[in-house]
Amino acid sequence: MKLKLAVLALIVTATTLNAFAEIADSAANGFTYKTTLQLSAPPDAVYQKLLSIGNWWSSSHTFSGDAHNMSIDPKAMGCWCEKLPSGGGVRHMQVVNVMPGKMLVMTGGLGPLQSMAATGSMTVRLTPANGGTKLDVMYAVTGYFPGGTGQLTGPVNTVLDEQFARFKSYVETGNAAPAESQKK
């Protein structure tokens, strides 16, 4: 009986942790990732922390190996960019709509999508809710995908889930990844 309760608790916990994000739809030519988080901070503070991407994005999902090489320039035509050694660089996305404390929209292909005939639009909305902020993220990706998007939706979902879980932790505790910082 105790084992059954433990398994049930584990399933409920896993479901709760993963319920905030999903691939909302998928077709041969694209897919949409969506997540919603409740954050214990006001929208203006959440927005400022969102722009400090080097403090919460995982270094293991960068080209340089160090998330602190990334920055977001919050203006129309601004860049979510990453500095690389020897003067190189990566443009992850381009900022197309900025409403400080309310919304940030960027376009581009993240990670391996850059080397494909693919692009996406990421919309981050911040709304006051429950004494904090409701954060809604939608990343709609489209392009040419030989064989469809099936091989991409899982990895994109996993990587973005990790990043936004890190963001929530960063907003609420000031530390994006306690386990990672203990390794250093």
Protein backbone atom coordinates (compact mmCIF):
# COMPACT_ATOMS: atom_id res chain seq x y z
CA MET A 1 0.00 0.00 0.00
CA LYS A 2 2.84 2.40 0.86
CA LEU A 3 4.49 1.64 -2.49
CA LYS A 4 1.24 2.42 -4.34
CA LEU A 5 0.93 5.75 -2.49
CA ALA A 6 4.56 6.60 -3.25
CA VAL A 7 4.07 5.83 -6.95
CA LEU A 8 0.86 7.86 -7.03
CA ALA A 9 2.62 10.79 -5.34
CA LEU A 10 5.45 10.57 -7.87
CA ILE A 11 3.00 10.56 -10.78
CA VAL A 12 1.08 13.55 -9.38
CA THR A 13 4.34 15.44 -8.79
CA ALA A 14 5.64 14.68 -12.29
CA THR A 15 2.33 15.66 -13.84
CA THR A 16 2.26 18.93 -11.88
CA LEU A 17 5.82 19.81 -12.88
CA ASN A 18 5.19 19.14 -16.56
CA ALA A 19 1.64 20.49 -16.79
CA PHE A 20 2.80 24.05 -17.37
CA ALA A 21 4.26 23.43 -20.83
CA GLU A 22 3.33 21.62 -23.99
CA ILE A 23 3.68 21.35 -27.71
CA ALA A 24 0.26 22.83 -28.38
CA ASP A 25 0.12 21.71 -32.01
CA SER A 26 2.34 20.09 -34.60
CA ALA A 27 2.19 19.60 -38.36
CA ALA A 28 4.65 18.69 -41.09
CA ASN A 29 5.61 22.35 -41.57
CA GLY A 30 5.69 23.62 -37.98
CA PHE A 31 4.72 23.41 -34.33
CA THR A 32 3.85 25.61 -31.37
CA TYR A 33 5.36 25.42 -27.89
CA LYS A 34 3.38 27.03 -25.06
CA THR A 35 3.99 27.45 -21.38
CA THR A 36 2.38 29.41 -18.57
CA LEU A 37 4.05 30.14 -15.24
CA GLN A 38 2.89 31.98 -12.14
CA LEU A 39 5.79 34.03 -10.77
CA SER A 40 6.06 35.62 -7.33
CA ALA A 41 7.20 39.04 -8.53
CA PRO A 42 5.58 42.05 -10.22
CA PRO A 43 5.60 42.25 -14.05
CA ASP A 44 8.20 45.03 -14.25
CA ALA A 45 10.67 43.03 -12.12
CA VAL A 46 9.97 39.85 -14.12
CA TYR A 47 10.57 41.76 -17.37
CA GLN A 48 13.94 43.08 -16.15
CA LYS A 49 15.01 39.58 -15.12
CA LEU A 50 13.88 38.20 -18.49
CA LEU A 51 16.31 40.60 -20.18
CA SER A 52 19.15 39.31 -17.95
CA ILE A 53 19.18 36.09 -19.96
CA GLY A 54 22.78 35.24 -19.09
CA ASN A 55 21.74 34.83 -15.47
CA TRP A 56 19.08 32.19 -16.07
CA TRP A 57 19.62 30.45 -19.43
CA SER A 58 21.57 27.20 -19.17
CA SER A 59 25.17 27.41 -20.40
CA SER A 60 24.80 23.90 -21.80
CA HIS A 61 22.35 25.31 -24.37
CA THR A 62 24.66 27.96 -25.79
CA PHE A 63 27.22 27.99 -28.59
CA SER A 64 29.96 29.47 -26.39
CA GLY A 65 29.38 27.25 -23.36
CA ASP A 66 28.72 30.30 -21.16
CA ALA A 67 25.25 31.84 -20.89
CA HIS A 68 26.80 35.08 -19.63
CA ASN A 69 27.92 35.69 -23.23
CA MET A 70 24.25 36.21 -24.15
CA SER A 71 22.29 39.45 -24.06
CA ILE A 72 18.95 40.82 -25.21
CA ASP A 73 18.80 44.39 -26.55
CA PRO A 74 15.18 45.37 -25.75
CA LYS A 75 14.35 47.58 -28.72
CA ALA A 76 12.80 47.02 -32.13
CA MET A 77 15.47 45.37 -34.32
CA GLY A 78 17.40 44.55 -31.13
CA CYS A 79 19.31 41.33 -30.85
CA TRP A 80 19.24 38.31 -28.56
CA CYS A 81 22.89 37.70 -29.28
CA GLU A 82 25.77 35.64 -27.97
CA LYS A 83 29.44 36.58 -28.08
CA LEU A 84 31.82 33.88 -29.30
CA PRO A 85 35.60 33.69 -28.95
CA SER A 86 37.81 35.51 -31.48
CA GLY A 87 35.16 38.14 -32.22
CA GLY A 88 32.51 35.69 -33.42
CA GLY A 89 28.87 35.84 -32.53
CA VAL A 90 25.41 34.32 -32.85
CA ARG A 91 22.08 36.05 -33.35
CA HIS A 92 19.60 33.74 -31.67
CA MET A 93 16.58 35.96 -32.29
CA GLN A 94 15.66 39.48 -33.34
CA VAL A 95 13.43 41.67 -31.19
CA VAL A 96 10.39 42.85 -33.13
CA ASN A 97 8.01 44.15 -30.43
CA VAL A 98 8.83 45.59 -27.01
CA MET A 99 6.29 46.63 -24.39
CA PRO A 100 8.33 46.87 -21.15
CA GLY A 101 6.71 44.98 -18.31
CA LYS A 102 4.04 43.58 -20.63
CA MET A 103 5.37 41.82 -23.72
CA LEU A 104 8.46 40.92 -25.71
CA VAL A 105 8.25 39.37 -29.20
CA MET A 106 11.31 37.96 -30.96
CA THR A 107 11.76 36.08 -34.23
CA GLY A 108 14.32 33.49 -35.28
CA GLY A 109 15.37 29.90 -35.00
CA LEU A 110 16.86 28.66 -31.75
CA GLY A 111 19.69 26.14 -31.64
CA PRO A 112 19.65 23.62 -34.49
CA LEU A 113 16.72 25.44 -36.13
CA GLN A 114 19.25 28.06 -37.26
CA SER A 115 20.85 25.70 -39.75
CA MET A 116 17.50 24.63 -41.20
CA ALA A 117 15.11 26.51 -43.44
CA ALA A 118 13.11 27.34 -40.30
CA THR A 119 12.16 30.33 -38.23
CA GLY A 120 9.92 31.07 -35.31
CA SER A 121 8.18 33.77 -33.37
CA MET A 122 8.48 33.80 -29.58
CA THR A 123 5.96 35.89 -27.69
CA VAL A 124 6.44 36.44 -23.96
CA ARG A 125 3.47 38.07 -22.21
CA LEU A 126 3.48 39.30 -18.62
CA THR A 127 0.19 39.95 -16.84
CA PRO A 128 -0.41 40.90 -13.22
CA ALA A 129 -2.03 37.92 -11.46
CA ASN A 130 -2.42 36.61 -7.91
CA GLY A 131 -0.10 39.23 -6.42
CA GLY A 132 2.64 38.38 -8.94
CA THR A 133 2.94 37.78 -12.66
CA LYS A 134 1.41 35.31 -15.06
CA LEU A 135 4.04 34.59 -17.72
CA ASP A 136 2.77 33.16 -21.02
CA VAL A 137 5.30 32.04 -23.62
CA MET A 138 4.45 30.89 -27.12
CA TYR A 139 7.10 29.85 -29.66
CA ALA A 140 5.57 29.13 -33.07
CA VAL A 141 8.04 27.52 -35.47
CA THR A 142 7.62 27.04 -39.21
CA GLY A 143 9.75 26.05 -42.17
CA TYR A 144 10.87 23.16 -44.30
CA PHE A 145 11.41 20.00 -42.26
CA PRO A 146 12.28 16.90 -44.32
CA GLY A 147 10.24 14.12 -42.72
CA GLY A 148 8.15 16.57 -40.65
CA THR A 149 8.66 18.13 -37.25
CA GLY A 150 8.36 14.92 -35.22
CA GLN A 151 12.07 14.73 -34.43
CA LEU A 152 12.16 18.36 -33.23
CA THR A 153 9.11 18.86 -31.01
CA GLY A 154 10.37 16.72 -28.13
CA PRO A 155 13.81 18.31 -27.88
CA VAL A 156 12.44 21.86 -28.27
CA ASN A 157 9.83 21.18 -25.57
CA THR A 158 12.48 19.73 -23.23
CA VAL A 159 14.99 22.56 -23.73
CA LEU A 160 12.44 25.36 -23.38
CA ASP A 161 10.82 23.69 -20.34
CA GLU A 162 14.25 23.61 -18.70
CA GLN A 163 14.97 27.25 -19.53
CA PHE A 164 11.66 28.58 -18.23
CA ALA A 165 11.89 26.45 -15.07
CA ARG A 166 15.33 28.04 -14.55
CA PHE A 167 13.78 31.46 -15.20
CA LYS A 168 11.08 30.88 -12.59
CA SER A 169 13.75 29.84 -10.08
CA TYR A 170 15.87 32.90 -10.95
CA VAL A 171 12.92 35.28 -10.52
CA GLU A 172 11.80 33.77 -7.23
CA THR A 173 15.13 32.83 -5.58
CA GLY A 174 17.82 34.73 -7.48
CA ASN A 175 19.39 31.39 -8.46
CA ALA A 176 18.54 29.70 -11.75
CA ALA A 177 20.04 26.30 -10.99
CA PRO A 178 21.04 25.50 -7.42
CA ALA A 179 22.33 22.05 -8.43
CA GLU A 180 24.57 23.48 -11.17
CA SER A 181 26.08 26.15 -8.92
CA GLN A 182 27.01 23.49 -6.34
CA LYS A 183 29.11 21.65 -8.96
CA LYS A 184 31.51 24.60 -9.42
